[in-house]
Amino acid sequence: MVLRATSSNPDRNGEASSGRLPGKQPIFKQSPATPTTDLPPYVPMRRFAAILAGLALAAVLVVGLTHAGGDGPPERAFDLADARRDLAGAPAPLASLHEQSAELLGGGRSAFRKRLASLKGYPVVVNKWASWCGPCRTEFPIFQSQAVVQGKKVAFLGLNAGDSTDPARRFLRATPLPFPSYLDPDEDIAKTIKAPANYPITVFFDRRGKLAYVHQGGYRRESDLVDDMTRYLS
């Protein structure tokens, strides 16, 4: 026998019929217009907690894969003494830089120009940074690493611009570089090497001392710095 849903006609008590057979469950029921109250109040919180747990797991996986790729800043703590030992035996012009590791040098434009002249025959990488610059801090481990890896073939110089000496010195004590930085509070040196006013900036000079490339912004991956040195300094 085929059952049909009965229409909502008034029953003998004058009330709308429920449309169900005696002793049976309804065959279908129209969705109510207002939100259901059948679920206990704690069910949405359970769903919210499950979503948060899923997002947290995704974040952990992303971080793990990023570190596994090994393409970001080096994870091993930098040790300046170890770096200088690794750089021992570098040619004299480059060794003079390593002897002044993490130092802030004065002298302005004339001193900087003389230094560049003494480095002719070697590619030069100049990194303009400031202690208050977040992206500068982020890329420092990359320059620490590459200045050791390439330090017997490539000259690295820092340019501490738009900064105060005491904060810069404190920052270098906490995050030392295996090469010196020249003080440039008014960006006089930066202007002579075509470094824009933003931070950080990395300027590349070829073996003849000619400006080869200006990179604006921080390096997020060590491989990006390596690619630029290969492209513009080879």
C-alpha atoms as a PDB file:
ATOM      1  CA  MET A   1       0.000   0.000   0.000  1.00  0.00           C
ATOM      2  CA  VAL A   2       1.341   3.483  -0.937  1.00  0.00           C
ATOM      3  CA  LEU A   3       1.239   6.088   1.821  1.00  0.00           C
ATOM      4  CA  ARG A   4       0.677   9.736   1.068  1.00  0.00           C
ATOM      5  CA  ALA A   5       1.567  12.650   3.267  1.00  0.00           C
ATOM      6  CA  THR A   6      -1.687  14.123   4.504  1.00  0.00           C
ATOM      7  CA  SER A   7      -2.323  17.792   4.124  1.00  0.00           C
ATOM      8  CA  SER A   8      -2.435  20.088   7.086  1.00  0.00           C
ATOM      9  CA  ASN A   9      -6.219  20.145   7.380  1.00  0.00           C
ATOM     10  CA  PRO A  10      -7.792  20.959  10.687  1.00  0.00           C
ATOM     11  CA  ASP A  11      -8.551  17.876  12.829  1.00  0.00           C
ATOM     12  CA  ARG A  12     -11.581  17.424  14.849  1.00  0.00           C
ATOM     13  CA  ASN A  13     -10.165  19.534  17.689  1.00  0.00           C
ATOM     14  CA  GLY A  14      -9.727  22.498  15.321  1.00  0.00           C
ATOM     15  CA  GLU A  15      -5.905  22.241  15.310  1.00  0.00           C
ATOM     16  CA  ALA A  16      -3.657  21.646  12.311  1.00  0.00           C
ATOM     17  CA  SER A  17      -3.004  18.018  11.632  1.00  0.00           C
ATOM     18  CA  SER A  18       0.556  16.799  12.115  1.00  0.00           C
ATOM     19  CA  GLY A  19       0.387  14.741   8.955  1.00  0.00           C
ATOM     20  CA  ARG A  20       1.499  11.528  10.705  1.00  0.00           C
ATOM     21  CA  LEU A  21      -0.239   8.215  10.943  1.00  0.00           C
ATOM     22  CA  PRO A  22      -1.183   6.995  14.381  1.00  0.00           C
ATOM     23  CA  GLY A  23       1.765   5.333  16.086  1.00  0.00           C
ATOM     24  CA  LYS A  24       4.147   6.133  13.192  1.00  0.00           C
ATOM     25  CA  GLN A  25       7.044   8.616  12.742  1.00  0.00           C
ATOM     26  CA  PRO A  26       6.531  11.377  10.154  1.00  0.00           C
ATOM     27  CA  ILE A  27       7.446  10.389   6.618  1.00  0.00           C
ATOM     28  CA  PHE A  28       9.031  13.826   5.985  1.00  0.00           C
ATOM     29  CA  LYS A  29       9.256  17.065   7.873  1.00  0.00           C
ATOM     30  CA  GLN A  30       9.769  20.563   6.513  1.00  0.00           C
ATOM     31  CA  SER A  31      12.865  22.370   7.745  1.00  0.00           C
ATOM     32  CA  PRO A  32      11.943  24.991  10.336  1.00  0.00           C
ATOM     33  CA  ALA A  33      12.422  28.658   9.477  1.00  0.00           C
ATOM     34  CA  THR A  34      14.272  29.379  12.698  1.00  0.00           C
ATOM     35  CA  PRO A  35      17.620  27.845  13.693  1.00  0.00           C
ATOM     36  CA  THR A  36      17.345  24.376  15.164  1.00  0.00           C
ATOM     37  CA  THR A  37      17.551  23.927  18.882  1.00  0.00           C
ATOM     38  CA  ASP A  38      17.857  20.152  18.719  1.00  0.00           C
ATOM     39  CA  LEU A  39      21.659  20.157  19.146  1.00  0.00           C
ATOM     40  CA  PRO A  40      23.100  20.682  22.598  1.00  0.00           C
ATOM     41  CA  PRO A  41      24.729  24.088  23.089  1.00  0.00           C
ATOM     42  CA  TYR A  42      28.244  22.641  23.329  1.00  0.00           C
ATOM     43  CA  VAL A  43      28.256  21.212  19.780  1.00  0.00           C
ATOM     44  CA  PRO A  44      29.248  24.521  18.023  1.00  0.00           C
ATOM     45  CA  MET A  45      32.132  24.910  20.476  1.00  0.00           C
ATOM     46  CA  ARG A  46      33.304  21.407  19.622  1.00  0.00           C
ATOM     47  CA  ARG A  47      33.262  22.311  15.946  1.00  0.00           C
ATOM     48  CA  PHE A  48      35.159  25.543  16.625  1.00  0.00           C
ATOM     49  CA  ALA A  49      37.780  23.655  18.643  1.00  0.00           C
ATOM     50  CA  ALA A  50      38.168  21.117  15.825  1.00  0.00           C
ATOM     51  CA  ILE A  51      38.725  23.929  13.305  1.00  0.00           C
ATOM     52  CA  LEU A  52      41.371  25.521  15.524  1.00  0.00           C
ATOM     53  CA  ALA A  53      43.119  22.180  15.960  1.00  0.00           C
ATOM     54  CA  GLY A  54      43.168  21.688  12.192  1.00  0.00           C
ATOM     55  CA  LEU A  55      44.649  25.128  11.599  1.00  0.00           C
ATOM     56  CA  ALA A  56      47.305  24.545  14.246  1.00  0.00           C
ATOM     57  CA  LEU A  57      48.275  21.233  12.638  1.00  0.00           C
ATOM     58  CA  ALA A  58      48.527  22.893   9.214  1.00  0.00           C
ATOM     59  CA  ALA A  59      50.780  25.602  10.638  1.00  0.00           C
ATOM     60  CA  VAL A  60      53.070  22.997  12.218  1.00  0.00           C
ATOM     61  CA  LEU A  61      53.320  21.124   8.920  1.00  0.00           C
ATOM     62  CA  VAL A  62      54.148  24.300   6.977  1.00  0.00           C
ATOM     63  CA  VAL A  63      56.868  25.297   9.434  1.00  0.00           C
ATOM     64  CA  GLY A  64      58.292  21.789   9.409  1.00  0.00           C
ATOM     65  CA  LEU A  65      58.419  21.653   5.625  1.00  0.00           C
ATOM     66  CA  THR A  66      59.999  25.107   5.458  1.00  0.00           C
ATOM     67  CA  HIS A  67      62.799  24.116   7.832  1.00  0.00           C
ATOM     68  CA  ALA A  68      63.221  20.797   6.075  1.00  0.00           C
ATOM     69  CA  GLY A  69      63.787  22.647   2.820  1.00  0.00           C
ATOM     70  CA  GLY A  70      66.753  24.465   4.331  1.00  0.00           C
ATOM     71  CA  ASP A  71      66.222  27.514   2.138  1.00  0.00           C
ATOM     72  CA  GLY A  72      65.693  30.121   4.862  1.00  0.00           C
ATOM     73  CA  PRO A  73      68.119  31.752   7.261  1.00  0.00           C
ATOM     74  CA  PRO A  74      70.555  29.249   8.824  1.00  0.00           C
ATOM     75  CA  GLU A  75      69.240  27.676  12.027  1.00  0.00           C
ATOM     76  CA  ARG A  76      72.591  26.974  13.694  1.00  0.00           C
ATOM     77  CA  ALA A  77      73.714  29.726  16.056  1.00  0.00           C
ATOM     78  CA  PHE A  78      76.466  31.813  14.503  1.00  0.00           C
ATOM     79  CA  ASP A  79      79.820  31.791  16.292  1.00  0.00           C
ATOM     80  CA  LEU A  80      82.179  34.580  15.262  1.00  0.00           C
ATOM     81  CA  ALA A  81      85.299  32.808  16.541  1.00  0.00           C
ATOM     82  CA  ASP A  82      84.468  29.731  14.448  1.00  0.00           C
ATOM     83  CA  ALA A  83      83.780  31.958  11.444  1.00  0.00           C
ATOM     84  CA  ARG A  84      87.173  33.652  11.700  1.00  0.00           C
ATOM     85  CA  ARG A  85      88.878  30.287  11.924  1.00  0.00           C
ATOM     86  CA  ASP A  86      87.063  29.177   8.781  1.00  0.00           C
ATOM     87  CA  LEU A  87      88.174  32.369   7.015  1.00  0.00           C
ATOM     88  CA  ALA A  88      91.843  31.978   7.936  1.00  0.00           C
ATOM     89  CA  GLY A  89      94.117  32.013   4.901  1.00  0.00           C
ATOM     90  CA  ALA A  90      92.032  34.499   2.906  1.00  0.00           C
ATOM     91  CA  PRO A  91      93.906  36.916   0.605  1.00  0.00           C
ATOM     92  CA  ALA A  92      95.252  39.968   2.439  1.00  0.00           C
ATOM     93  CA  PRO A  93      92.610  42.502   1.262  1.00  0.00           C
ATOM     94  CA  LEU A  94      89.842  40.160   2.383  1.00  0.00           C
ATOM     95  CA  ALA A  95      91.643  39.105   5.558  1.00  0.00           C
ATOM     96  CA  SER A  96      91.785  42.764   6.599  1.00  0.00           C
ATOM     97  CA  LEU A  97      87.987  42.775   6.571  1.00  0.00           C
ATOM     98  CA  HIS A  98      87.798  39.649   8.715  1.00  0.00           C
ATOM     99  CA  GLU A  99      90.164  41.211  11.243  1.00  0.00           C
ATOM    100  CA  GLN A 100      87.617  44.009  11.699  1.00  0.00           C
ATOM    101  CA  SER A 101      84.650  41.676  12.115  1.00  0.00           C
ATOM    102  CA  ALA A 102      81.576  43.269  13.724  1.00  0.00           C
ATOM    103  CA  GLU A 103      83.321  46.652  14.050  1.00  0.00           C
ATOM    104  CA  LEU A 104      81.749  50.016  13.263  1.00  0.00           C
ATOM    105  CA  LEU A 105      84.163  52.165  11.278  1.00  0.00           C
ATOM    106  CA  GLY A 106      84.162  55.934  10.834  1.00  0.00           C
ATOM    107  CA  GLY A 107      85.788  58.085   8.207  1.00  0.00           C
ATOM    108  CA  GLY A 108      82.776  58.753   6.015  1.00  0.00           C
ATOM    109  CA  ARG A 109      82.834  58.744   2.230  1.00  0.00           C
ATOM    110  CA  SER A 110      86.583  59.133   1.804  1.00  0.00           C
ATOM    111  CA  ALA A 111      87.377  56.144   4.034  1.00  0.00           C
ATOM    112  CA  PHE A 112      84.758  54.035   2.287  1.00  0.00           C
ATOM    113  CA  ARG A 113      86.052  54.960  -1.176  1.00  0.00           C
ATOM    114  CA  LYS A 114      89.591  54.030  -0.157  1.00  0.00           C
ATOM    115  CA  ARG A 115      88.350  50.693   1.101  1.00  0.00           C
ATOM    116  CA  LEU A 116      86.557  49.950  -2.137  1.00  0.00           C
ATOM    117  CA  ALA A 117      89.687  50.877  -4.096  1.00  0.00           C
ATOM    118  CA  SER A 118      91.751  48.444  -2.003  1.00  0.00           C
ATOM    119  CA  LEU A 119      89.329  45.649  -2.902  1.00  0.00           C
ATOM    120  CA  LYS A 120      89.630  45.951  -6.677  1.00  0.00           C
ATOM    121  CA  GLY A 121      90.144  42.529  -8.166  1.00  0.00           C
ATOM    122  CA  TYR A 122      87.489  41.063  -5.849  1.00  0.00           C
ATOM    123  CA  PRO A 123      83.703  41.221  -6.093  1.00  0.00           C
ATOM    124  CA  VAL A 124      82.200  43.327  -3.302  1.00  0.00           C
ATOM    125  CA  VAL A 125      78.816  43.001  -1.582  1.00  0.00           C
ATOM    126  CA  VAL A 126      77.708  46.020   0.476  1.00  0.00           C
ATOM    127  CA  ASN A 127      74.722  45.594   2.786  1.00  0.00           C
ATOM    128  CA  LYS A 128      73.004  48.736   4.083  1.00  0.00           C
ATOM    129  CA  TRP A 129      71.288  48.088   7.404  1.00  0.00           C
ATOM    130  CA  ALA A 130      70.016  49.706  10.607  1.00  0.00           C
ATOM    131  CA  SER A 131      69.416  48.263  14.063  1.00  0.00           C
ATOM    132  CA  TRP A 132      65.756  49.403  14.034  1.00  0.00           C
ATOM    133  CA  CYS A 133      65.033  47.734  10.681  1.00  0.00           C
ATOM    134  CA  GLY A 134      63.089  44.469  11.044  1.00  0.00           C
ATOM    135  CA  PRO A 135      63.901  43.043   7.579  1.00  0.00           C
ATOM    136  CA  CYS A 136      67.581  43.882   8.196  1.00  0.00           C
ATOM    137  CA  ARG A 137      67.539  41.750  11.327  1.00  0.00           C
ATOM    138  CA  THR A 138      65.788  38.935   9.464  1.00  0.00           C
ATOM    139  CA  GLU A 139      68.412  38.742   6.717  1.00  0.00           C
ATOM    140  CA  PHE A 140      71.474  39.110   8.983  1.00  0.00           C
ATOM    141  CA  PRO A 141      71.885  35.313   9.447  1.00  0.00           C
ATOM    142  CA  ILE A 142      71.997  34.973   5.652  1.00  0.00           C
ATOM    143  CA  PHE A 143      74.880  37.439   5.416  1.00  0.00           C
ATOM    144  CA  GLN A 144      76.631  35.819   8.370  1.00  0.00           C
ATOM    145  CA  SER A 145      76.543  32.499   6.564  1.00  0.00           C
ATOM    146  CA  GLN A 146      77.484  33.642   3.056  1.00  0.00           C
ATOM    147  CA  ALA A 147      80.277  35.904   4.303  1.00  0.00           C
ATOM    148  CA  VAL A 148      81.932  32.755   5.649  1.00  0.00           C
ATOM    149  CA  VAL A 149      81.112  30.509   2.691  1.00  0.00           C
ATOM    150  CA  GLN A 150      82.258  33.082   0.099  1.00  0.00           C
ATOM    151  CA  GLY A 151      84.591  35.132   2.284  1.00  0.00           C
ATOM    152  CA  LYS A 152      87.844  33.963   0.684  1.00  0.00           C
ATOM    153  CA  LYS A 153      86.664  35.050  -2.774  1.00  0.00           C
ATOM    154  CA  VAL A 154      84.137  37.847  -2.188  1.00  0.00           C
ATOM    155  CA  ALA A 155      84.467  40.981  -0.035  1.00  0.00           C
ATOM    156  CA  PHE A 156      81.567  41.830   2.266  1.00  0.00           C
ATOM    157  CA  LEU A 157      81.037  45.265   3.794  1.00  0.00           C
ATOM    158  CA  GLY A 158      78.280  46.678   5.977  1.00  0.00           C
ATOM    159  CA  LEU A 159      76.842  50.162   5.854  1.00  0.00           C
ATOM    160  CA  ASN A 160      75.109  51.185   9.079  1.00  0.00           C
ATOM    161  CA  ALA A 161      72.958  54.061   7.821  1.00  0.00           C
ATOM    162  CA  GLY A 162      70.266  56.224   9.369  1.00  0.00           C
ATOM    163  CA  ASP A 163      71.052  54.781  12.785  1.00  0.00           C
ATOM    164  CA  SER A 164      72.514  55.731  16.163  1.00  0.00           C
ATOM    165  CA  THR A 165      75.880  54.304  17.143  1.00  0.00           C
ATOM    166  CA  ASP A 166      74.955  52.790  20.511  1.00  0.00           C
ATOM    167  CA  PRO A 167      71.963  50.729  19.286  1.00  0.00           C
ATOM    168  CA  ALA A 168      73.988  49.619  16.258  1.00  0.00           C
ATOM    169  CA  ARG A 169      76.879  48.519  18.462  1.00  0.00           C
ATOM    170  CA  ARG A 170      74.543  46.598  20.797  1.00  0.00           C
ATOM    171  CA  PHE A 171      72.946  44.883  17.835  1.00  0.00           C
ATOM    172  CA  LEU A 172      76.321  43.822  16.431  1.00  0.00           C
ATOM    173  CA  ARG A 173      77.313  42.401  19.807  1.00  0.00           C
ATOM    174  CA  ALA A 174      74.183  40.238  19.751  1.00  0.00           C
ATOM    175  CA  THR A 175      74.352  39.452  16.012  1.00  0.00           C
ATOM    176  CA  PRO A 176      77.980  39.831  14.893  1.00  0.00           C
ATOM    177  CA  LEU A 177      79.009  39.994  11.255  1.00  0.00           C
ATOM    178  CA  PRO A 178      82.344  38.541  10.043  1.00  0.00           C
ATOM    179  CA  PHE A 179      83.127  41.877   8.347  1.00  0.00           C
ATOM    180  CA  PRO A 180      83.057  45.565   9.361  1.00  0.00           C
ATOM    181  CA  SER A 181      80.331  48.155   8.814  1.00  0.00           C
ATOM    182  CA  TYR A 182      80.910  51.823   8.045  1.00  0.00           C
ATOM    183  CA  LEU A 183      78.919  54.433   9.957  1.00  0.00           C
ATOM    184  CA  ASP A 184      76.688  56.466   7.650  1.00  0.00           C
ATOM    185  CA  PRO A 185      74.126  58.280   9.846  1.00  0.00           C
ATOM    186  CA  ASP A 186      73.162  60.798   7.153  1.00  0.00           C
ATOM    187  CA  GLU A 187      73.392  58.299   4.268  1.00  0.00           C
ATOM    188  CA  ASP A 188      76.208  60.210   2.603  1.00  0.00           C
ATOM    189  CA  ILE A 189      78.005  56.990   1.662  1.00  0.00           C
ATOM    190  CA  ALA A 190      74.740  55.378   0.584  1.00  0.00           C
ATOM    191  CA  LYS A 191      74.115  58.173  -1.905  1.00  0.00           C
ATOM    192  CA  THR A 192      77.549  57.758  -3.496  1.00  0.00           C
ATOM    193  CA  ILE A 193      76.889  54.058  -4.195  1.00  0.00           C
ATOM    194  CA  LYS A 194      73.326  54.650  -5.477  1.00  0.00           C
ATOM    195  CA  ALA A 195      71.658  52.951  -2.514  1.00  0.00           C
ATOM    196  CA  PRO A 196      68.042  54.169  -2.163  1.00  0.00           C
ATOM    197  CA  ALA A 197      66.742  55.564   1.119  1.00  0.00           C
ATOM    198  CA  ASN A 198      64.724  52.460   2.059  1.00  0.00           C
ATOM    199  CA  TYR A 199      66.071  49.493   4.079  1.00  0.00           C
ATOM    200  CA  PRO A 200      67.678  47.080   3.693  1.00  0.00           C
ATOM    201  CA  ILE A 201      69.639  47.593   0.480  1.00  0.00           C
ATOM    202  CA  THR A 202      72.382  45.371  -0.962  1.00  0.00           C
ATOM    203  CA  VAL A 203      74.770  46.800  -3.565  1.00  0.00           C
ATOM    204  CA  PHE A 204      77.001  44.610  -5.740  1.00  0.00           C
ATOM    205  CA  PHE A 205      80.311  45.755  -7.268  1.00  0.00           C
ATOM    206  CA  ASP A 206      82.181  43.679  -9.836  1.00  0.00           C
ATOM    207  CA  ARG A 207      85.921  42.932  -9.783  1.00  0.00           C
ATOM    208  CA  ARG A 208      86.697  46.237 -11.501  1.00  0.00           C
ATOM    209  CA  GLY A 209      84.901  48.212  -8.806  1.00  0.00           C
ATOM    210  CA  LYS A 210      81.959  49.026 -11.076  1.00  0.00           C
ATOM    211  CA  LEU A 211      78.412  49.074  -9.742  1.00  0.00           C
ATOM    212  CA  ALA A 212      76.741  45.889 -10.988  1.00  0.00           C
ATOM    213  CA  TYR A 213      73.372  45.672  -9.232  1.00  0.00           C
ATOM    214  CA  VAL A 214      71.268  47.205  -6.442  1.00  0.00           C
ATOM    215  CA  HIS A 215      68.891  44.879  -4.605  1.00  0.00           C
ATOM    216  CA  GLN A 216      66.097  46.619  -2.721  1.00  0.00           C
ATOM    217  CA  GLY A 217      64.494  44.913   0.279  1.00  0.00           C
ATOM    218  CA  GLY A 218      65.558  42.048   2.486  1.00  0.00           C
ATOM    219  CA  TYR A 219      66.610  38.577   1.438  1.00  0.00           C
ATOM    220  CA  ARG A 220      64.281  35.906   2.772  1.00  0.00           C
ATOM    221  CA  ARG A 221      66.200  32.928   1.399  1.00  0.00           C
ATOM    222  CA  GLU A 222      69.926  32.332   1.335  1.00  0.00           C
ATOM    223  CA  SER A 223      69.613  30.893  -2.150  1.00  0.00           C
ATOM    224  CA  ASP A 224      68.324  34.252  -3.426  1.00  0.00           C
ATOM    225  CA  LEU A 225      71.505  36.005  -2.286  1.00  0.00           C
ATOM    226  CA  VAL A 226      73.614  33.229  -3.808  1.00  0.00           C
ATOM    227  CA  ASP A 227      71.715  33.592  -7.098  1.00  0.00           C
ATOM    228  CA  ASP A 228      72.353  37.340  -7.201  1.00  0.00           C
ATOM    229  CA  MET A 229      76.071  36.901  -6.487  1.00  0.00           C
ATOM    230  CA  THR A 230      76.303  34.289  -9.225  1.00  0.00           C
ATOM    231  CA  ARG A 231      74.405  36.446 -11.701  1.00  0.00           C
ATOM    232  CA  TYR A 232      76.096  39.797 -11.103  1.00  0.00           C
ATOM    233  CA  LEU A 233      79.543  38.979  -9.748  1.00  0.00           C
ATOM    234  CA  SER A 234      80.685  36.045 -11.864  1.00  0.00           C
END
